[in-house]
PDB file of N, CA and C in Angstrom:
ATOM      1  N   MET A   1      53.970-202.721   3.318  1.00  0.00           N
ATOM      2  CA  MET A   1      54.149-201.081   2.541  1.00  0.00           C
ATOM      3  C   MET A   1      55.518-200.831   2.396  1.00  0.00           C
ATOM      4  N   TYR A   2      56.320-200.700   1.536  1.00  0.00           N
ATOM      5  CA  TYR A   2      57.700-200.426   1.398  1.00  0.00           C
ATOM      6  C   TYR A   2      57.751-198.946   1.221  1.00  0.00           C
ATOM      7  N   PHE A   3      56.818-198.619   0.063  1.00  0.00           N
ATOM      8  CA  PHE A   3      56.724-197.265  -0.183  1.00  0.00           C
ATOM      9  C   PHE A   3      55.184-196.787  -0.811  1.00  0.00           C
ATOM     10  N   VAL A   4      55.117-195.446  -0.221  1.00  0.00           N
ATOM     11  CA  VAL A   4      53.534-195.115  -0.841  1.00  0.00           C
ATOM     12  C   VAL A   4      53.518-193.637  -0.747  1.00  0.00           C
ATOM     13  N   GLU A   5      52.864-193.143  -1.741  1.00  0.00           N
ATOM     14  CA  GLU A   5      53.035-191.745  -2.086  1.00  0.00           C
ATOM     15  C   GLU A   5      51.622-191.190  -1.483  1.00  0.00           C
ATOM     16  N   PHE A   6      51.619-190.385  -0.281  1.00  0.00           N
ATOM     17  CA  PHE A   6      50.543-190.442   1.074  1.00  0.00           C
ATOM     18  C   PHE A   6      49.724-189.214   0.162  1.00  0.00           C
ATOM     19  N   VAL A   7      50.556-188.017  -0.401  1.00  0.00           N
ATOM     20  CA  VAL A   7      49.925-186.795  -0.969  1.00  0.00           C
ATOM     21  C   VAL A   7      50.892-186.937  -2.376  1.00  0.00           C
ATOM     22  N   HIS A   8      50.489-185.607  -3.122  1.00  0.00           N
ATOM     23  CA  HIS A   8      51.697-185.599  -4.050  1.00  0.00           C
ATOM     24  C   HIS A   8      52.762-184.906  -3.648  1.00  0.00           C
ATOM     25  N   GLY A   9      53.578-185.570  -3.594  1.00  0.00           N
ATOM     26  CA  GLY A   9      54.987-184.919  -3.527  1.00  0.00           C
ATOM     27  C   GLY A   9      55.490-185.572  -2.404  1.00  0.00           C
ATOM     28  N   LEU A  10      54.653-186.249  -1.257  1.00  0.00           N
ATOM     29  CA  LEU A  10      55.441-186.595  -0.283  1.00  0.00           C
ATOM     30  C   LEU A  10      55.250-188.344  -0.394  1.00  0.00           C
ATOM     31  N   ILE A  11      56.502-189.003  -0.794  1.00  0.00           N
ATOM     32  CA  ILE A  11      56.834-190.445  -0.599  1.00  0.00           C
ATOM     33  C   ILE A  11      57.249-190.698   0.647  1.00  0.00           C
ATOM     34  N   ILE A  12      56.891-191.728   0.495  1.00  0.00           N
ATOM     35  CA  ILE A  12      57.320-192.732   2.489  1.00  0.00           C
ATOM     36  C   ILE A  12      57.747-194.009   1.723  1.00  0.00           C
ATOM     37  N   ASP A  13      59.350-193.705   2.072  1.00  0.00           N
ATOM     38  CA  ASP A  13      60.126-194.953   1.167  1.00  0.00           C
ATOM     39  C   ASP A  13      60.645-195.663   2.474  1.00  0.00           C
ATOM     40  N   ALA A  14      60.322-196.830   2.641  1.00  0.00           N
ATOM     41  CA  ALA A  14      60.954-197.947   3.729  1.00  0.00           C
ATOM     42  C   ALA A  14      61.800-198.773   3.129  1.00  0.00           C
ATOM     43  N   ARG A  15      62.112-198.760   1.900  1.00  0.00           N
ATOM     44  CA  ARG A  15      63.350-200.128   1.347  1.00  0.00           C
ATOM     45  C   ARG A  15      64.537-199.941   1.982  1.00  0.00           C
ATOM     46  N   LEU A  16      65.077-198.583   2.401  1.00  0.00           N
ATOM     47  CA  LEU A  16      66.180-198.421   2.825  1.00  0.00           C
ATOM     48  C   LEU A  16      66.480-198.346   4.361  1.00  0.00           C
ATOM     49  N   LYS A  17      65.453-197.540   4.667  1.00  0.00           N
ATOM     50  CA  LYS A  17      65.427-197.202   6.352  1.00  0.00           C
ATOM     51  C   LYS A  17      63.855-196.788   6.487  1.00  0.00           C
ATOM     52  N   GLY A  18      63.565-198.038   7.093  1.00  0.00           N
ATOM     53  CA  GLY A  18      61.818-197.796   7.513  1.00  0.00           C
ATOM     54  C   GLY A  18      61.785-198.405   8.942  1.00  0.00           C
ATOM     55  N   SER A  19      60.577-198.029   9.582  1.00  0.00           N
ATOM     56  CA  SER A  19      59.947-198.743  10.814  1.00  0.00           C
ATOM     57  C   SER A  19      59.212-200.074  10.635  1.00  0.00           C
ATOM     58  N   TYR A  20      58.712-200.090  11.688  1.00  0.00           N
ATOM     59  CA  TYR A  20      57.271-201.049  11.638  1.00  0.00           C
ATOM     60  C   TYR A  20      56.174-200.901  10.749  1.00  0.00           C
ATOM     61  N   ALA A  21      56.183-199.344  10.061  1.00  0.00           N
ATOM     62  CA  ALA A  21      55.118-199.404   9.348  1.00  0.00           C
ATOM     63  C   ALA A  21      55.372-200.120   8.275  1.00  0.00           C
ATOM     64  N   SER A  22      56.573-200.145   7.886  1.00  0.00           N
ATOM     65  CA  SER A  22      56.726-200.999   6.595  1.00  0.00           C
ATOM     66  C   SER A  22      56.053-202.624   6.839  1.00  0.00           C
ATOM     67  N   LEU A  23      55.511-203.022   7.677  1.00  0.00           N
ATOM     68  CA  LEU A  23      54.686-204.129   7.950  1.00  0.00           C
ATOM     69  C   LEU A  23      53.207-204.113   7.765  1.00  0.00           C
ATOM     70  N   ILE A  24      52.959-202.831   7.600  1.00  0.00           N
ATOM     71  CA  ILE A  24      51.514-202.455   7.736  1.00  0.00           C
ATOM     72  C   ILE A  24      50.897-202.918   5.985  1.00  0.00           C
ATOM     73  N   ASN A  25      49.879-203.861   6.273  1.00  0.00           N
ATOM     74  CA  ASN A  25      49.108-204.596   4.533  1.00  0.00           C
ATOM     75  C   ASN A  25      48.139-203.674   4.213  1.00  0.00           C
ATOM     76  N   HIS A  26      47.232-204.193   3.196  1.00  0.00           N
ATOM     77  CA  HIS A  26      46.232-203.500   2.547  1.00  0.00           C
ATOM     78  C   HIS A  26      45.171-204.411   3.026  1.00  0.00           C
ATOM     79  N   SER A  27      44.332-203.981   3.360  1.00  0.00           N
ATOM     80  CA  SER A  27      42.615-204.249   3.569  1.00  0.00           C
ATOM     81  C   SER A  27      41.425-203.685   2.912  1.00  0.00           C
ATOM     82  N   CYS A  28      40.738-203.865   2.119  1.00  0.00           N
ATOM     83  CA  CYS A  28      39.620-202.781   1.795  1.00  0.00           C
ATOM     84  C   CYS A  28      38.584-203.054   2.725  1.00  0.00           C
ATOM     85  N   GLU A  29      38.959-203.403   4.074  1.00  0.00           N
ATOM     86  CA  GLU A  29      38.163-203.199   5.692  1.00  0.00           C
ATOM     87  C   GLU A  29      39.207-202.797   6.369  1.00  0.00           C
ATOM     88  N   PRO A  30      40.039-201.756   6.505  1.00  0.00           N
ATOM     89  CA  PRO A  30      41.219-201.207   6.952  1.00  0.00           C
ATOM     90  C   PRO A  30      40.795-200.744   8.882  1.00  0.00           C
ATOM     91  N   ASN A  31      41.714-201.544   9.506  1.00  0.00           N
ATOM     92  CA  ASN A  31      41.583-200.684  11.395  1.00  0.00           C
ATOM     93  C   ASN A  31      42.237-199.640  11.043  1.00  0.00           C
ATOM     94  N   ALA A  32      43.225-199.236  10.248  1.00  0.00           N
ATOM     95  CA  ALA A  32      43.841-197.809  10.601  1.00  0.00           C
ATOM     96  C   ALA A  32      44.152-197.097   8.882  1.00  0.00           C
ATOM     97  N   GLN A  33      44.619-196.046   9.699  1.00  0.00           N
ATOM     98  CA  GLN A  33      45.082-194.850   8.476  1.00  0.00           C
ATOM     99  C   GLN A  33      46.228-193.823   8.621  1.00  0.00           C
ATOM    100  N   LEU A  34      46.640-193.459   7.442  1.00  0.00           N
ATOM    101  CA  LEU A  34      47.403-192.731   7.387  1.00  0.00           C
ATOM    102  C   LEU A  34      47.088-191.015   7.228  1.00  0.00           C
ATOM    103  N   ARG A  35      48.096-190.203   8.667  1.00  0.00           N
ATOM    104  CA  ARG A  35      47.430-188.910   8.728  1.00  0.00           C
ATOM    105  C   ARG A  35      48.668-188.150   8.829  1.00  0.00           C
ATOM    106  N   GLN A  36      48.773-187.001   8.117  1.00  0.00           N
ATOM    107  CA  GLN A  36      49.850-185.975   8.267  1.00  0.00           C
ATOM    108  C   GLN A  36      49.319-184.901   9.131  1.00  0.00           C
ATOM    109  N   TRP A  37      50.863-184.933   9.820  1.00  0.00           N
ATOM    110  CA  TRP A  37      50.681-183.571  10.781  1.00  0.00           C
ATOM    111  C   TRP A  37      51.579-182.615  10.441  1.00  0.00           C
ATOM    112  N   SER A  38      51.795-181.761  11.067  1.00  0.00           N
ATOM    113  CA  SER A  38      52.595-180.821  10.984  1.00  0.00           C
ATOM    114  C   SER A  38      53.221-180.395  12.355  1.00  0.00           C
ATOM    115  N   VAL A  39      54.475-180.682  12.350  1.00  0.00           N
ATOM    116  CA  VAL A  39      54.741-180.252  13.863  1.00  0.00           C
ATOM    117  C   VAL A  39      56.286-179.054  13.571  1.00  0.00           C
ATOM    118  N   LYS A  40      56.069-177.920  14.155  1.00  0.00           N
ATOM    119  CA  LYS A  40      56.857-177.151  13.867  1.00  0.00           C
ATOM    120  C   LYS A  40      57.540-176.363  12.355  1.00  0.00           C
ATOM    121  N   GLY A  41      56.513-176.930  11.608  1.00  0.00           N
ATOM    122  CA  GLY A  41      56.593-176.780   9.839  1.00  0.00           C
ATOM    123  C   GLY A  41      57.792-178.093   9.428  1.00  0.00           C
ATOM    124  N   THR A  42      57.582-179.280   9.923  1.00  0.00           N
ATOM    125  CA  THR A  42      58.201-180.513   9.772  1.00  0.00           C
ATOM    126  C   THR A  42      56.874-181.443   9.182  1.00  0.00           C
ATOM    127  N   ARG A  43      56.804-181.985   8.459  1.00  0.00           N
ATOM    128  CA  ARG A  43      55.768-182.696   8.117  1.00  0.00           C
ATOM    129  C   ARG A  43      56.104-184.278   8.791  1.00  0.00           C
ATOM    130  N   HIS A  44      55.101-184.612   8.883  1.00  0.00           N
ATOM    131  CA  HIS A  44      55.179-186.198  10.084  1.00  0.00           C
ATOM    132  C   HIS A  44      53.840-186.965   9.665  1.00  0.00           C
ATOM    133  N   VAL A  45      54.314-188.199   9.189  1.00  0.00           N
ATOM    134  CA  VAL A  45      53.222-189.222   8.758  1.00  0.00           C
ATOM    135  C   VAL A  45      52.929-189.960   9.769  1.00  0.00           C
ATOM    136  N   VAL A  46      51.860-190.438  10.326  1.00  0.00           N
ATOM    137  CA  VAL A  46      51.306-191.150  11.575  1.00  0.00           C
ATOM    138  C   VAL A  46      50.166-192.196  11.054  1.00  0.00           C
ATOM    139  N   VAL A  47      50.356-193.450  11.898  1.00  0.00           N
ATOM    140  CA  VAL A  47      49.564-194.141  11.721  1.00  0.00           C
ATOM    141  C   VAL A  47      48.295-194.092  12.846  1.00  0.00           C
ATOM    142  N   SER A  48      46.871-194.076  12.277  1.00  0.00           N
ATOM    143  CA  SER A  48      45.913-193.558  13.248  1.00  0.00           C
ATOM    144  C   SER A  48      44.870-195.057  13.345  1.00  0.00           C
ATOM    145  N   MET A  49      44.956-195.602  14.597  1.00  0.00           N
ATOM    146  CA  MET A  49      44.188-196.556  14.288  1.00  0.00           C
ATOM    147  C   MET A  49      42.212-196.211  14.285  1.00  0.00           C
ATOM    148  N   LEU A  50      41.501-196.839  13.656  1.00  0.00           N
ATOM    149  CA  LEU A  50      40.249-196.585  13.183  1.00  0.00           C
ATOM    150  C   LEU A  50      39.381-197.158  14.347  1.00  0.00           C
ATOM    151  N   CYS A  51      39.907-198.550  14.905  1.00  0.00           N
ATOM    152  CA  CYS A  51      39.321-199.016  15.962  1.00  0.00           C
ATOM    153  C   CYS A  51      40.596-199.377  17.185  1.00  0.00           C
ATOM    154  N   ASP A  52      39.485-199.863  17.914  1.00  0.00           N
ATOM    155  CA  ASP A  52      40.290-200.607  19.136  1.00  0.00           C
ATOM    156  C   ASP A  52      41.271-201.951  18.546  1.00  0.00           C
ATOM    157  N   ALA A  53      42.708-201.905  18.841  1.00  0.00           N
ATOM    158  CA  ALA A  53      42.743-203.118  18.503  1.00  0.00           C
ATOM    159  C   ALA A  53      43.598-204.103  19.884  1.00  0.00           C
ATOM    160  N   LYS A  54      43.857-205.285  19.415  1.00  0.00           N
ATOM    161  CA  LYS A  54      44.528-206.167  20.488  1.00  0.00           C
ATOM    162  C   LYS A  54      45.635-206.268  19.971  1.00  0.00           C
ATOM    163  N   ALA A  55      46.886-207.027  21.307  1.00  0.00           N
ATOM    164  CA  ALA A  55      47.718-207.152  21.112  1.00  0.00           C
ATOM    165  C   ALA A  55      47.803-208.464  20.117  1.00  0.00           C
ATOM    166  N   GLY A  56      48.752-208.489  19.000  1.00  0.00           N
ATOM    167  CA  GLY A  56      48.429-209.406  18.097  1.00  0.00           C
ATOM    168  C   GLY A  56      47.837-209.267  16.561  1.00  0.00           C
ATOM    169  N   ASP A  57      47.020-208.049  16.883  1.00  0.00           N
ATOM    170  CA  ASP A  57      46.241-207.941  15.526  1.00  0.00           C
ATOM    171  C   ASP A  57      46.932-207.294  14.311  1.00  0.00           C
ATOM    172  N   GLU A  58      46.740-207.680  13.310  1.00  0.00           N
ATOM    173  CA  GLU A  58      47.330-207.081  11.967  1.00  0.00           C
ATOM    174  C   GLU A  58      46.871-205.550  11.844  1.00  0.00           C
ATOM    175  N   VAL A  59      47.704-204.715  11.445  1.00  0.00           N
ATOM    176  CA  VAL A  59      47.535-203.302  11.197  1.00  0.00           C
ATOM    177  C   VAL A  59      47.442-203.360   9.797  1.00  0.00           C
ATOM    178  N   THR A  60      46.077-202.876   9.391  1.00  0.00           N
ATOM    179  CA  THR A  60      46.183-202.428   7.882  1.00  0.00           C
ATOM    180  C   THR A  60      45.448-201.177   7.735  1.00  0.00           C
ATOM    181  N   ILE A  61      45.783-200.986   6.260  1.00  0.00           N
ATOM    182  CA  ILE A  61      45.224-199.685   5.555  1.00  0.00           C
ATOM    183  C   ILE A  61      44.619-199.922   4.194  1.00  0.00           C
ATOM    184  N   ALA A  62      44.106-199.031   3.890  1.00  0.00           N
ATOM    185  CA  ALA A  62      43.413-198.966   2.616  1.00  0.00           C
ATOM    186  C   ALA A  62      44.266-198.670   1.417  1.00  0.00           C
ATOM    187  N   TYR A  63      44.665-199.211   1.005  1.00  0.00           N
ATOM    188  CA  TYR A  63      45.827-198.887  -0.186  1.00  0.00           C
ATOM    189  C   TYR A  63      45.100-197.938  -1.550  1.00  0.00           C
ATOM    190  N   ARG A  64      43.661-198.133  -1.544  1.00  0.00           N
ATOM    191  CA  ARG A  64      43.130-196.914  -2.229  1.00  0.00           C
ATOM    192  C   ARG A  64      42.909-195.480  -1.811  1.00  0.00           C
ATOM    193  N   ASP A  65      43.224-195.366  -0.584  1.00  0.00           N
ATOM    194  CA  ASP A  65      43.104-194.148  -0.140  1.00  0.00           C
ATOM    195  C   ASP A  65      44.630-193.415  -0.245  1.00  0.00           C
ATOM    196  N   THR A  66      45.307-194.009  -1.204  1.00  0.00           N
ATOM    197  CA  THR A  66      46.937-193.767  -1.257  1.00  0.00           C
ATOM    198  C   THR A  66      47.027-192.890  -3.066  1.00  0.00           C
ATOM    199  N   VAL A  67      48.079-192.159  -2.575  1.00  0.00           N
ATOM    200  CA  VAL A  67      47.943-191.774  -4.554  1.00  0.00           C
ATOM    201  C   VAL A  67      48.645-193.326  -5.449  1.00  0.00           C
ATOM    202  N   THR A  68      49.599-193.553  -4.626  1.00  0.00           N
ATOM    203  CA  THR A  68      49.868-194.762  -5.779  1.00  0.00           C
ATOM    204  C   THR A  68      49.156-196.315  -5.633  1.00  0.00           C
ATOM    205  N   SER A  69      48.000-195.916  -5.234  1.00  0.00           N
ATOM    206  CA  SER A  69      46.835-196.734  -5.895  1.00  0.00           C
ATOM    207  C   SER A  69      46.497-196.600  -7.009  1.00  0.00           C
ATOM    208  N   ARG A  70      46.859-195.998  -7.893  1.00  0.00           N
ATOM    209  CA  ARG A  70      46.677-195.901  -9.411  1.00  0.00           C
ATOM    210  C   ARG A  70      47.189-197.269  -9.781  1.00  0.00           C
ATOM    211  N   GLN A  71      48.485-197.723  -9.285  1.00  0.00           N
ATOM    212  CA  GLN A  71      48.914-198.756  -9.754  1.00  0.00           C
ATOM    213  C   GLN A  71      48.803-199.935  -9.670  1.00  0.00           C
ATOM    214  N   TRP A  72      47.883-200.314  -8.612  1.00  0.00           N
ATOM    215  CA  TRP A  72      47.626-201.369  -7.660  1.00  0.00           C
ATOM    216  C   TRP A  72      46.555-201.985  -7.689  1.00  0.00           C
ATOM    217  N   CYS A  73      46.093-203.257  -8.022  1.00  0.00           N
ATOM    218  CA  CYS A  73      45.230-204.377  -7.667  1.00  0.00           C
ATOM    219  C   CYS A  73      45.093-205.244  -6.781  1.00  0.00           C
ATOM    220  N   CYS A  74      43.938-205.037  -6.331  1.00  0.00           N
ATOM    221  CA  CYS A  74      43.752-206.176  -4.821  1.00  0.00           C
ATOM    222  C   CYS A  74      43.167-206.910  -5.295  1.00  0.00           C
ATOM    223  N   LYS A  75      43.629-207.773  -4.476  1.00  0.00           N
ATOM    224  CA  LYS A  75      42.677-209.156  -4.211  1.00  0.00           C
ATOM    225  C   LYS A  75      42.407-209.965  -3.094  1.00  0.00           C
ATOM    226  N   CYS A  76      41.857-209.158  -2.261  1.00  0.00           N
ATOM    227  CA  CYS A  76      41.920-209.457  -1.409  1.00  0.00           C
ATOM    228  C   CYS A  76      40.659-210.613  -0.854  1.00  0.00           C
ATOM    229  N   GLY A  77      39.194-210.284  -1.819  1.00  0.00           N
ATOM    230  CA  GLY A  77      38.355-210.983  -1.702  1.00  0.00           C
ATOM    231  C   GLY A  77      37.338-210.607  -0.614  1.00  0.00           C
ATOM    232  N   LYS A  78      37.560-209.608   0.058  1.00  0.00           N
ATOM    233  CA  LYS A  78      36.906-209.493   0.617  1.00  0.00           C
ATOM    234  C   LYS A  78      35.055-209.066  -0.090  1.00  0.00           C
ATOM    235  N   ASP A  79      34.183-208.876   1.184  1.00  0.00           N
ATOM    236  CA  ASP A  79      32.791-207.979   0.095  1.00  0.00           C
ATOM    237  C   ASP A  79      33.405-206.898  -0.333  1.00  0.00           C
ATOM    238  N   THR A  80      33.660-206.366   0.643  1.00  0.00           N
ATOM    239  CA  THR A  80      33.774-204.762  -0.121  1.00  0.00           C
ATOM    240  C   THR A  80      35.067-204.658  -0.983  1.00  0.00           C
ATOM    241  N   CYS A  81      35.588-205.320  -1.329  1.00  0.00           N
ATOM    242  CA  CYS A  81      37.119-205.705  -1.971  1.00  0.00           C
ATOM    243  C   CYS A  81      36.764-204.499  -3.226  1.00  0.00           C
ATOM    244  N   VAL A  82      37.611-203.486  -3.815  1.00  0.00           N
ATOM    245  CA  VAL A  82      37.689-202.749  -4.771  1.00  0.00           C
ATOM    246  C   VAL A  82      37.473-203.162  -5.737  1.00  0.00           C
ATOM    247  N   ASN A  83      37.795-204.549  -6.138  1.00  0.00           N
ATOM    248  CA  ASN A  83      37.978-205.041  -7.238  1.00  0.00           C
ATOM    249  C   ASN A  83      36.802-206.257  -7.639  1.00  0.00           C
ATOM    250  N   SER A  84      35.991-206.392  -6.377  1.00  0.00           N
ATOM    251  CA  SER A  84      34.995-207.096  -6.870  1.00  0.00           C
ATOM    252  C   SER A  84      33.177-206.434  -7.373  1.00  0.00           C
ATOM    253  N   ASP A  85      32.767-207.005  -7.691  1.00  0.00           N
ATOM    254  CA  ASP A  85      31.429-206.755  -8.273  1.00  0.00           C
ATOM    255  C   ASP A  85      30.900-205.778  -7.646  1.00  0.00           C
ATOM    256  N   GLU A  86      30.697-205.958  -6.146  1.00  0.00           N
ATOM    257  CA  GLU A  86      29.881-205.305  -5.095  1.00  0.00           C
ATOM    258  C   GLU A  86      30.857-204.385  -4.093  1.00  0.00           C
ATOM    259  N   GLY A  87      32.313-204.197  -4.516  1.00  0.00           N
ATOM    260  CA  GLY A  87      32.819-203.131  -4.060  1.00  0.00           C
ATOM    261  C   GLY A  87      33.097-202.006  -4.328  1.00  0.00           C
ATOM    262  N   VAL A  88      33.550-201.033  -3.569  1.00  0.00           N
ATOM    263  CA  VAL A  88      33.751-199.757  -3.313  1.00  0.00           C
ATOM    264  C   VAL A  88      34.335-199.386  -5.050  1.00  0.00           C
TER     265      VAL A  88
END
């Protein structure tokens, strides 16, 4: 995840200066989600786990939950894949 439009007008761009969040990949069966918090009037986006994870587990989010997903095509092949016949 190098850049994502989390909500209209809030784009996270990790191409020039990023964090470990830039290593988050997509899954149609994600184990994490992006959440927006406001702390003293400043917006923060955090990665929130949807389930317990062990050391070494890959952190994934569903790109379909982001605004930029309109221009993105999944090919993960999972049964719930957004591009499969049975997918979401």
